[in-house]
């Protein structure tokens, strides 16, 4: 599969939320928080033609309300605007 974001957008694969706490308590679907964390799959370009300063495989936190979520080949993806990337997480 080859999806290339256009403009100042980033294609992410969202991180799955946990079904259980570290202490072993199961979390019902209604109580799960939507953690906006994902792994960079592909990036577009900045308006001036420069590359977006993220690399494939980076883990990021993102915000925003106009994110586009979709499923392709059984995998979940989200496209976010570059300005909605809040932080890169070091691992």
PDB file of N, CA and C in Angstrom:
ATOM      1  N   UNK A   1       0.832  -1.169   0.000  1.00  0.00           N
ATOM      2  CA  UNK A   1       0.000   0.000   0.000  1.00  0.00           C
ATOM      3  C   UNK A   1       0.884   1.243   0.000  1.00  0.00           C
ATOM      4  N   UNK A   2       0.516   2.229  -0.799  1.00  0.00           N
ATOM      5  CA  UNK A   2       1.285   3.451  -0.885  1.00  0.00           C
ATOM      6  C   UNK A   2       0.339   4.634  -0.780  1.00  0.00           C
ATOM      7  N   UNK A   3       0.333   5.290   0.377  1.00  0.00           N
ATOM      8  CA  UNK A   3      -0.476   6.497   0.577  1.00  0.00           C
ATOM      9  C   UNK A   3       0.497   7.636   0.826  1.00  0.00           C
ATOM     10  N   UNK A   4       0.379   8.684   0.036  1.00  0.00           N
ATOM     11  CA  UNK A   4       1.268   9.829   0.172  1.00  0.00           C
ATOM     12  C   UNK A   4       0.448  11.057   0.561  1.00  0.00           C
ATOM     13  N   UNK A   5       0.664  11.600   1.762  1.00  0.00           N
ATOM     14  CA  UNK A   5      -0.066  12.806   2.169  1.00  0.00           C
ATOM     15  C   UNK A   5       0.295  13.988   1.261  1.00  0.00           C
ATOM     16  N   UNK A   6      -0.688  14.819   0.979  1.00  0.00           N
ATOM     17  CA  UNK A   6      -0.484  15.991   0.131  1.00  0.00           C
ATOM     18  C   UNK A   6      -0.452  17.235   1.010  1.00  0.00           C
ATOM     19  N   UNK A   7       0.488  18.126   0.727  1.00  0.00           N
ATOM     20  CA  UNK A   7       0.602  19.361   1.496  1.00  0.00           C
ATOM     21  C   UNK A   7       1.190  19.113   2.870  1.00  0.00           C
ATOM     22  N   UNK A   8       0.821  19.957   3.822  1.00  0.00           N
ATOM     23  CA  UNK A   8       1.366  19.885   5.173  1.00  0.00           C
ATOM     24  C   UNK A   8       0.562  18.907   6.023  1.00  0.00           C
ATOM     25  N   UNK A   9       0.567  17.642   5.620  1.00  0.00           N
ATOM     26  CA  UNK A   9      -0.171  16.603   6.334  1.00  0.00           C
ATOM     27  C   UNK A   9       0.749  15.436   6.656  1.00  0.00           C
ATOM     28  N   UNK A  10       0.343  14.696   7.697  1.00  0.00           N
ATOM     29  CA  UNK A  10       1.125  13.545   8.155  1.00  0.00           C
ATOM     30  C   UNK A  10       0.185  12.351   8.275  1.00  0.00           C
ATOM     31  N   UNK A  11       0.595  11.215   7.724  1.00  0.00           N
ATOM     32  CA  UNK A  11      -0.160   9.971   7.825  1.00  0.00           C
ATOM     33  C   UNK A  11       0.356   9.207   9.037  1.00  0.00           C
ATOM     34  N   UNK A  12      -0.555   8.868   9.962  1.00  0.00           N
ATOM     35  CA  UNK A  12      -0.192   8.172  11.188  1.00  0.00           C
ATOM     36  C   UNK A  12      -0.961   6.864  11.313  1.00  0.00           C
ATOM     37  N   UNK A  13      -0.368   5.937  12.026  1.00  0.00           N
ATOM     38  CA  UNK A  13      -1.079   4.732  12.428  1.00  0.00           C
ATOM     39  C   UNK A  13      -1.286   4.890  13.941  1.00  0.00           C
ATOM     40  N   UNK A  14      -2.556   5.066  14.378  1.00  0.00           N
ATOM     41  CA  UNK A  14      -2.803   5.330  15.791  1.00  0.00           C
ATOM     42  C   UNK A  14      -2.369   4.168  16.683  1.00  0.00           C
ATOM     43  N   UNK A  15      -1.901   4.514  17.877  1.00  0.00           N
ATOM     44  CA  UNK A  15      -1.522   3.520  18.867  1.00  0.00           C
ATOM     45  C   UNK A  15      -2.784   2.955  19.501  1.00  0.00           C
ATOM     46  N   UNK A  16      -2.824   1.639  19.665  1.00  0.00           N
ATOM     47  CA  UNK A  16      -3.993   0.997  20.252  1.00  0.00           C
ATOM     48  C   UNK A  16      -4.084   1.339  21.733  1.00  0.00           C
ATOM     49  N   UNK A  17      -5.316   1.538  22.231  1.00  0.00           N
ATOM     50  CA  UNK A  17      -5.523   1.785  23.649  1.00  0.00           C
ATOM     51  C   UNK A  17      -5.528   0.461  24.399  1.00  0.00           C
ATOM     52  N   UNK A  18      -5.111   0.505  25.640  1.00  0.00           N
ATOM     53  CA  UNK A  18      -5.013  -0.703  26.448  1.00  0.00           C
ATOM     54  C   UNK A  18      -6.383  -1.101  26.988  1.00  0.00           C
ATOM     55  N   UNK A  19      -6.591  -2.419  27.092  1.00  0.00           N
ATOM     56  CA  UNK A  19      -7.834  -2.952  27.642  1.00  0.00           C
ATOM     57  C   UNK A  19      -7.735  -3.185  29.142  1.00  0.00           C
ATOM     58  N   UNK A  20      -6.536  -3.041  29.686  1.00  0.00           N
ATOM     59  CA  UNK A  20      -6.304  -3.402  31.077  1.00  0.00           C
ATOM     60  C   UNK A  20      -5.264  -2.454  31.668  1.00  0.00           C
ATOM     61  N   UNK A  21      -5.438  -2.076  32.941  1.00  0.00           N
ATOM     62  CA  UNK A  21      -4.446  -1.235  33.610  1.00  0.00           C
ATOM     63  C   UNK A  21      -3.246  -2.080  34.005  1.00  0.00           C
ATOM     64  N   UNK A  22      -2.176  -1.418  34.438  1.00  0.00           N
ATOM     65  CA  UNK A  22      -0.990  -2.145  34.871  1.00  0.00           C
ATOM     66  C   UNK A  22      -1.280  -3.027  36.077  1.00  0.00           C
ATOM     67  N   UNK A  23      -2.291  -2.649  36.868  1.00  0.00           N
ATOM     68  CA  UNK A  23      -2.663  -3.431  38.043  1.00  0.00           C
ATOM     69  C   UNK A  23      -3.574  -4.598  37.723  1.00  0.00           C
ATOM     70  N   UNK A  24      -4.004  -4.739  36.456  1.00  0.00           N
ATOM     71  CA  UNK A  24      -4.815  -5.877  36.051  1.00  0.00           C
ATOM     72  C   UNK A  24      -6.306  -5.603  35.962  1.00  0.00           C
ATOM     73  N   UNK A  25      -6.726  -4.354  36.151  1.00  0.00           N
ATOM     74  CA  UNK A  25      -8.149  -4.013  36.079  1.00  0.00           C
ATOM     75  C   UNK A  25      -8.525  -3.786  34.621  1.00  0.00           C
ATOM     76  N   UNK A  26      -9.604  -4.433  34.170  1.00  0.00           N
ATOM     77  CA  UNK A  26     -10.078  -4.265  32.800  1.00  0.00           C
ATOM     78  C   UNK A  26     -10.855  -2.960  32.671  1.00  0.00           C
ATOM     79  N   UNK A  27     -10.628  -2.261  31.573  1.00  0.00           N
ATOM     80  CA  UNK A  27     -11.259  -0.973  31.318  1.00  0.00           C
ATOM     81  C   UNK A  27     -12.375  -1.164  30.303  1.00  0.00           C
ATOM     82  N   UNK A  28     -13.630  -0.816  30.660  1.00  0.00           N
ATOM     83  CA  UNK A  28     -14.711  -0.939  29.678  1.00  0.00           C
ATOM     84  C   UNK A  28     -14.549   0.096  28.560  1.00  0.00           C
ATOM     85  N   UNK A  29     -15.093  -0.208  27.381  1.00  0.00           N
ATOM     86  CA  UNK A  29     -14.959   0.692  26.229  1.00  0.00           C
ATOM     87  C   UNK A  29     -15.446   2.103  26.529  1.00  0.00           C
ATOM     88  N   UNK A  30     -16.500   2.232  27.329  1.00  0.00           N
ATOM     89  CA  UNK A  30     -17.059   3.553  27.625  1.00  0.00           C
ATOM     90  C   UNK A  30     -16.097   4.415  28.442  1.00  0.00           C
ATOM     91  N   UNK A  31     -15.202   3.789  29.190  1.00  0.00           N
ATOM     92  CA  UNK A  31     -14.299   4.531  30.074  1.00  0.00           C
ATOM     93  C   UNK A  31     -12.924   4.773  29.462  1.00  0.00           C
ATOM     94  N   UNK A  32     -12.648   4.200  28.308  1.00  0.00           N
ATOM     95  CA  UNK A  32     -11.327   4.361  27.691  1.00  0.00           C
ATOM     96  C   UNK A  32     -11.147   5.787  27.194  1.00  0.00           C
ATOM     97  N   UNK A  33      -9.954   6.324  27.446  1.00  0.00           N
ATOM     98  CA  UNK A  33      -9.613   7.637  26.915  1.00  0.00           C
ATOM     99  C   UNK A  33      -9.023   7.448  25.528  1.00  0.00           C
ATOM    100  N   UNK A  34      -9.406   8.318  24.604  1.00  0.00           N
ATOM    101  CA  UNK A  34      -8.792   8.272  23.278  1.00  0.00           C
ATOM    102  C   UNK A  34      -7.440   8.949  23.364  1.00  0.00           C
ATOM    103  N   UNK A  35      -6.415   8.146  23.422  1.00  0.00           N
ATOM    104  CA  UNK A  35      -5.066   8.675  23.469  1.00  0.00           C
ATOM    105  C   UNK A  35      -4.675   9.042  22.053  1.00  0.00           C
ATOM    106  N   UNK A  36      -4.336  10.268  21.838  1.00  0.00           N
ATOM    107  CA  UNK A  36      -3.974  10.699  20.496  1.00  0.00           C
ATOM    108  C   UNK A  36      -2.472  10.565  20.327  1.00  0.00           C
ATOM    109  N   UNK A  37      -2.083   9.322  20.128  1.00  0.00           N
ATOM    110  CA  UNK A  37      -0.682   8.973  19.937  1.00  0.00           C
ATOM    111  C   UNK A  37      -0.617   8.079  18.710  1.00  0.00           C
ATOM    112  N   UNK A  38       0.404   8.267  17.895  1.00  0.00           N
ATOM    113  CA  UNK A  38       0.506   7.446  16.704  1.00  0.00           C
ATOM    114  C   UNK A  38       1.924   7.364  16.171  1.00  0.00           C
ATOM    115  N   UNK A  39       2.102   6.481  15.208  1.00  0.00           N
ATOM    116  CA  UNK A  39       3.394   6.273  14.562  1.00  0.00           C
ATOM    117  C   UNK A  39       3.348   6.849  13.157  1.00  0.00           C
ATOM    118  N   UNK A  40       4.354   7.626  12.801  1.00  0.00           N
ATOM    119  CA  UNK A  40       4.421   8.259  11.482  1.00  0.00           C
ATOM    120  C   UNK A  40       4.627   7.192  10.415  1.00  0.00           C
ATOM    121  N   UNK A  41       3.749   7.206   9.406  1.00  0.00           N
ATOM    122  CA  UNK A  41       3.854   6.294   8.269  1.00  0.00           C
ATOM    123  C   UNK A  41       4.435   7.039   7.069  1.00  0.00           C
ATOM    124  N   UNK A  42       3.959   8.276   6.837  1.00  0.00           N
ATOM    125  CA  UNK A  42       4.430   9.078   5.705  1.00  0.00           C
ATOM    126  C   UNK A  42       4.144  10.549   5.990  1.00  0.00           C
ATOM    127  N   UNK A  43       4.879  11.436   5.312  1.00  0.00           N
ATOM    128  CA  UNK A  43       4.677  12.876   5.475  1.00  0.00           C
ATOM    129  C   UNK A  43       4.582  13.553   4.114  1.00  0.00           C
ATOM    130  N   UNK A  44       3.933  14.701   4.104  1.00  0.00           N
ATOM    131  CA  UNK A  44       3.883  15.534   2.915  1.00  0.00           C
ATOM    132  C   UNK A  44       5.051  16.516   2.937  1.00  0.00           C
ATOM    133  N   UNK A  45       4.820  17.713   2.391  1.00  0.00           N
ATOM    134  CA  UNK A  45       5.855  18.750   2.357  1.00  0.00           C
ATOM    135  C   UNK A  45       5.310  20.033   2.952  1.00  0.00           C
ATOM    136  N   UNK A  46       6.215  20.864   3.486  1.00  0.00           N
ATOM    137  CA  UNK A  46       5.847  22.184   3.966  1.00  0.00           C
ATOM    138  C   UNK A  46       5.568  23.089   2.772  1.00  0.00           C
ATOM    139  N   UNK A  47       4.894  24.213   2.999  1.00  0.00           N
ATOM    140  CA  UNK A  47       4.536  25.128   1.904  1.00  0.00           C
ATOM    141  C   UNK A  47       5.747  25.606   1.121  1.00  0.00           C
ATOM    142  N   UNK A  48       6.897  25.771   1.812  1.00  0.00           N
ATOM    143  CA  UNK A  48       8.092  26.269   1.117  1.00  0.00           C
ATOM    144  C   UNK A  48       8.852  25.160   0.390  1.00  0.00           C
ATOM    145  N   UNK A  49       8.297  23.930   0.372  1.00  0.00           N
ATOM    146  CA  UNK A  49       8.913  22.823  -0.349  1.00  0.00           C
ATOM    147  C   UNK A  49       9.839  21.963   0.488  1.00  0.00           C
ATOM    148  N   UNK A  50      10.118  22.393   1.731  1.00  0.00           N
ATOM    149  CA  UNK A  50      10.970  21.594   2.614  1.00  0.00           C
ATOM    150  C   UNK A  50      10.215  20.375   3.117  1.00  0.00           C
ATOM    151  N   UNK A  51      10.971  19.356   3.526  1.00  0.00           N
ATOM    152  CA  UNK A  51      10.363  18.165   4.115  1.00  0.00           C
ATOM    153  C   UNK A  51       9.881  18.470   5.529  1.00  0.00           C
ATOM    154  N   UNK A  52       8.813  17.819   5.929  1.00  0.00           N
ATOM    155  CA  UNK A  52       8.340  17.922   7.307  1.00  0.00           C
ATOM    156  C   UNK A  52       9.357  17.212   8.186  1.00  0.00           C
ATOM    157  N   UNK A  53       9.784  17.839   9.307  1.00  0.00           N
ATOM    158  CA  UNK A  53      10.868  17.269  10.120  1.00  0.00           C
ATOM    159  C   UNK A  53      10.432  16.099  11.010  1.00  0.00           C
ATOM    160  N   UNK A  54       9.816  15.108  10.407  1.00  0.00           N
ATOM    161  CA  UNK A  54       9.461  13.862  11.088  1.00  0.00           C
ATOM    162  C   UNK A  54       9.931  12.717  10.215  1.00  0.00           C
ATOM    163  N   UNK A  55      10.262  11.613  10.843  1.00  0.00           N
ATOM    164  CA  UNK A  55      10.725  10.445  10.106  1.00  0.00           C
ATOM    165  C   UNK A  55       9.730   9.305  10.244  1.00  0.00           C
ATOM    166  N   UNK A  56       9.702   8.442   9.255  1.00  0.00           N
ATOM    167  CA  UNK A  56       8.871   7.254   9.326  1.00  0.00           C
ATOM    168  C   UNK A  56       9.264   6.458  10.575  1.00  0.00           C
ATOM    169  N   UNK A  57       8.271   6.061  11.360  1.00  0.00           N
ATOM    170  CA  UNK A  57       8.525   5.305  12.583  1.00  0.00           C
ATOM    171  C   UNK A  57       8.543   6.153  13.844  1.00  0.00           C
ATOM    172  N   UNK A  58       8.606   7.496  13.706  1.00  0.00           N
ATOM    173  CA  UNK A  58       8.551   8.360  14.886  1.00  0.00           C
ATOM    174  C   UNK A  58       7.209   8.194  15.583  1.00  0.00           C
ATOM    175  N   UNK A  59       7.212   8.247  16.912  1.00  0.00           N
ATOM    176  CA  UNK A  59       5.976   8.236  17.687  1.00  0.00           C
ATOM    177  C   UNK A  59       5.674   9.669  18.083  1.00  0.00           C
ATOM    178  N   UNK A  60       4.444  10.121  17.819  1.00  0.00           N
ATOM    179  CA  UNK A  60       4.065  11.504  18.079  1.00  0.00           C
ATOM    180  C   UNK A  60       2.748  11.573  18.845  1.00  0.00           C
ATOM    181  N   UNK A  61       2.549  12.704  19.530  1.00  0.00           N
ATOM    182  CA  UNK A  61       1.265  13.050  20.120  1.00  0.00           C
ATOM    183  C   UNK A  61       0.622  14.064  19.192  1.00  0.00           C
ATOM    184  N   UNK A  62      -0.678  13.948  18.971  1.00  0.00           N
ATOM    185  CA  UNK A  62      -1.350  14.879  18.073  1.00  0.00           C
ATOM    186  C   UNK A  62      -2.678  15.327  18.650  1.00  0.00           C
ATOM    187  N   UNK A  63      -3.132  16.471  18.193  1.00  0.00           N
ATOM    188  CA  UNK A  63      -4.408  17.029  18.620  1.00  0.00           C
ATOM    189  C   UNK A  63      -5.226  17.371  17.397  1.00  0.00           C
ATOM    190  N   UNK A  64      -6.150  18.306  17.572  1.00  0.00           N
ATOM    191  CA  UNK A  64      -6.961  18.763  16.450  1.00  0.00           C
ATOM    192  C   UNK A  64      -8.279  18.027  16.338  1.00  0.00           C
ATOM    193  N   UNK A  65      -9.200  18.673  15.657  1.00  0.00           N
ATOM    194  CA  UNK A  65     -10.540  18.115  15.505  1.00  0.00           C
ATOM    195  C   UNK A  65     -10.861  17.724  14.070  1.00  0.00           C
ATOM    196  N   UNK A  66     -10.025  18.120  13.131  1.00  0.00           N
ATOM    197  CA  UNK A  66     -10.334  17.849  11.726  1.00  0.00           C
ATOM    198  C   UNK A  66      -9.480  16.714  11.167  1.00  0.00           C
ATOM    199  N   UNK A  67      -9.148  15.746  12.023  1.00  0.00           N
ATOM    200  CA  UNK A  67      -8.359  14.603  11.574  1.00  0.00           C
ATOM    201  C   UNK A  67      -9.233  13.653  10.774  1.00  0.00           C
ATOM    202  N   UNK A  68      -8.675  13.078   9.728  1.00  0.00           N
ATOM    203  CA  UNK A  68      -9.401  12.118   8.890  1.00  0.00           C
ATOM    204  C   UNK A  68      -8.966  10.701   9.249  1.00  0.00           C
ATOM    205  N   UNK A  69      -9.892   9.910   9.753  1.00  0.00           N
ATOM    206  CA  UNK A  69      -9.592   8.520  10.095  1.00  0.00           C
ATOM    207  C   UNK A  69     -10.152   7.610   9.014  1.00  0.00           C
ATOM    208  N   UNK A  70      -9.398   6.546   8.688  1.00  0.00           N
ATOM    209  CA  UNK A  70      -9.885   5.587   7.698  1.00  0.00           C
ATOM    210  C   UNK A  70      -9.198   4.247   7.919  1.00  0.00           C
ATOM    211  N   UNK A  71      -9.742   3.216   7.295  1.00  0.00           N
ATOM    212  CA  UNK A  71      -9.176   1.875   7.380  1.00  0.00           C
ATOM    213  C   UNK A  71      -8.803   1.415   5.984  1.00  0.00           C
ATOM    214  N   UNK A  72      -7.642   0.765   5.879  1.00  0.00           N
ATOM    215  CA  UNK A  72      -7.179   0.269   4.580  1.00  0.00           C
ATOM    216  C   UNK A  72      -6.450  -1.046   4.801  1.00  0.00           C
ATOM    217  N   UNK A  73      -6.823  -2.073   4.105  1.00  0.00           N
ATOM    218  CA  UNK A  73      -6.205  -3.392   4.232  1.00  0.00           C
ATOM    219  C   UNK A  73      -6.200  -3.884   5.677  1.00  0.00           C
ATOM    220  N   UNK A  74      -7.286  -3.596   6.405  1.00  0.00           N
ATOM    221  CA  UNK A  74      -7.425  -4.049   7.782  1.00  0.00           C
ATOM    222  C   UNK A  74      -6.638  -3.248   8.806  1.00  0.00           C
ATOM    223  N   UNK A  75      -5.992  -2.168   8.392  1.00  0.00           N
ATOM    224  CA  UNK A  75      -5.207  -1.317   9.289  1.00  0.00           C
ATOM    225  C   UNK A  75      -5.896   0.036   9.440  1.00  0.00           C
ATOM    226  N   UNK A  76      -5.828   0.604  10.652  1.00  0.00           N
ATOM    227  CA  UNK A  76      -6.406   1.923  10.915  1.00  0.00           C
ATOM    228  C   UNK A  76      -5.347   3.001  10.687  1.00  0.00           C
ATOM    229  N   UNK A  77      -5.768   4.111  10.075  1.00  0.00           N
ATOM    230  CA  UNK A  77      -4.875   5.236   9.812  1.00  0.00           C
ATOM    231  C   UNK A  77      -5.598   6.530  10.140  1.00  0.00           C
ATOM    232  N   UNK A  78      -4.810   7.579  10.344  1.00  0.00           N
ATOM    233  CA  UNK A  78      -5.353   8.918  10.533  1.00  0.00           C
ATOM    234  C   UNK A  78      -4.425   9.904   9.821  1.00  0.00           C
ATOM    235  N   UNK A  79      -5.026  10.877   9.141  1.00  0.00           N
ATOM    236  CA  UNK A  79      -4.259  11.936   8.485  1.00  0.00           C
ATOM    237  C   UNK A  79      -4.487  13.208   9.299  1.00  0.00           C
ATOM    238  N   UNK A  80      -3.391  13.821   9.755  1.00  0.00           N
ATOM    239  CA  UNK A  80      -3.478  15.042  10.549  1.00  0.00           C
ATOM    240  C   UNK A  80      -2.683  16.143   9.878  1.00  0.00           C
ATOM    241  N   UNK A  81      -3.053  17.376  10.163  1.00  0.00           N
ATOM    242  CA  UNK A  81      -2.279  18.513   9.685  1.00  0.00           C
ATOM    243  C   UNK A  81      -0.993  18.586  10.501  1.00  0.00           C
ATOM    244  N   UNK A  82       0.089  18.977   9.856  1.00  0.00           N
ATOM    245  CA  UNK A  82       1.381  19.063  10.539  1.00  0.00           C
ATOM    246  C   UNK A  82       1.301  19.967  11.771  1.00  0.00           C
ATOM    247  N   UNK A  83       0.538  21.045  11.691  1.00  0.00           N
ATOM    248  CA  UNK A  83       0.433  21.988  12.812  1.00  0.00           C
ATOM    249  C   UNK A  83      -0.249  21.346  14.031  1.00  0.00           C
ATOM    250  N   UNK A  84      -0.947  20.207  13.822  1.00  0.00           N
ATOM    251  CA  UNK A  84      -1.617  19.523  14.933  1.00  0.00           C
ATOM    252  C   UNK A  84      -0.720  18.495  15.626  1.00  0.00           C
ATOM    253  N   UNK A  85       0.514  18.318  15.133  1.00  0.00           N
ATOM    254  CA  UNK A  85       1.474  17.446  15.824  1.00  0.00           C
ATOM    255  C   UNK A  85       1.999  18.230  17.023  1.00  0.00           C
ATOM    256  N   UNK A  86       1.784  17.691  18.222  1.00  0.00           N
ATOM    257  CA  UNK A  86       2.148  18.402  19.440  1.00  0.00           C
ATOM    258  C   UNK A  86       3.557  18.084  19.920  1.00  0.00           C
ATOM    259  N   UNK A  87       3.976  16.833  19.778  1.00  0.00           N
ATOM    260  CA  UNK A  87       5.288  16.437  20.292  1.00  0.00           C
ATOM    261  C   UNK A  87       5.738  15.131  19.663  1.00  0.00           C
ATOM    262  N   UNK A  88       7.058  14.978  19.582  1.00  0.00           N
ATOM    263  CA  UNK A  88       7.656  13.699  19.190  1.00  0.00           C
ATOM    264  C   UNK A  88       8.105  13.038  20.482  1.00  0.00           C
ATOM    265  N   UNK A  89       7.812  11.756  20.620  1.00  0.00           N
ATOM    266  CA  UNK A  89       8.145  11.053  21.860  1.00  0.00           C
ATOM    267  C   UNK A  89       9.438  10.264  21.662  1.00  0.00           C
ATOM    268  N   UNK A  90      10.376  10.435  22.572  1.00  0.00           N
ATOM    269  CA  UNK A  90      11.624   9.665  22.537  1.00  0.00           C
ATOM    270  C   UNK A  90      11.383   8.312  23.179  1.00  0.00           C
ATOM    271  N   UNK A  91      11.967   7.292  22.589  1.00  0.00           N
ATOM    272  CA  UNK A  91      11.770   5.949  23.143  1.00  0.00           C
ATOM    273  C   UNK A  91      13.063   5.350  23.571  1.00  0.00           C
TER     274      UNK A  91
END
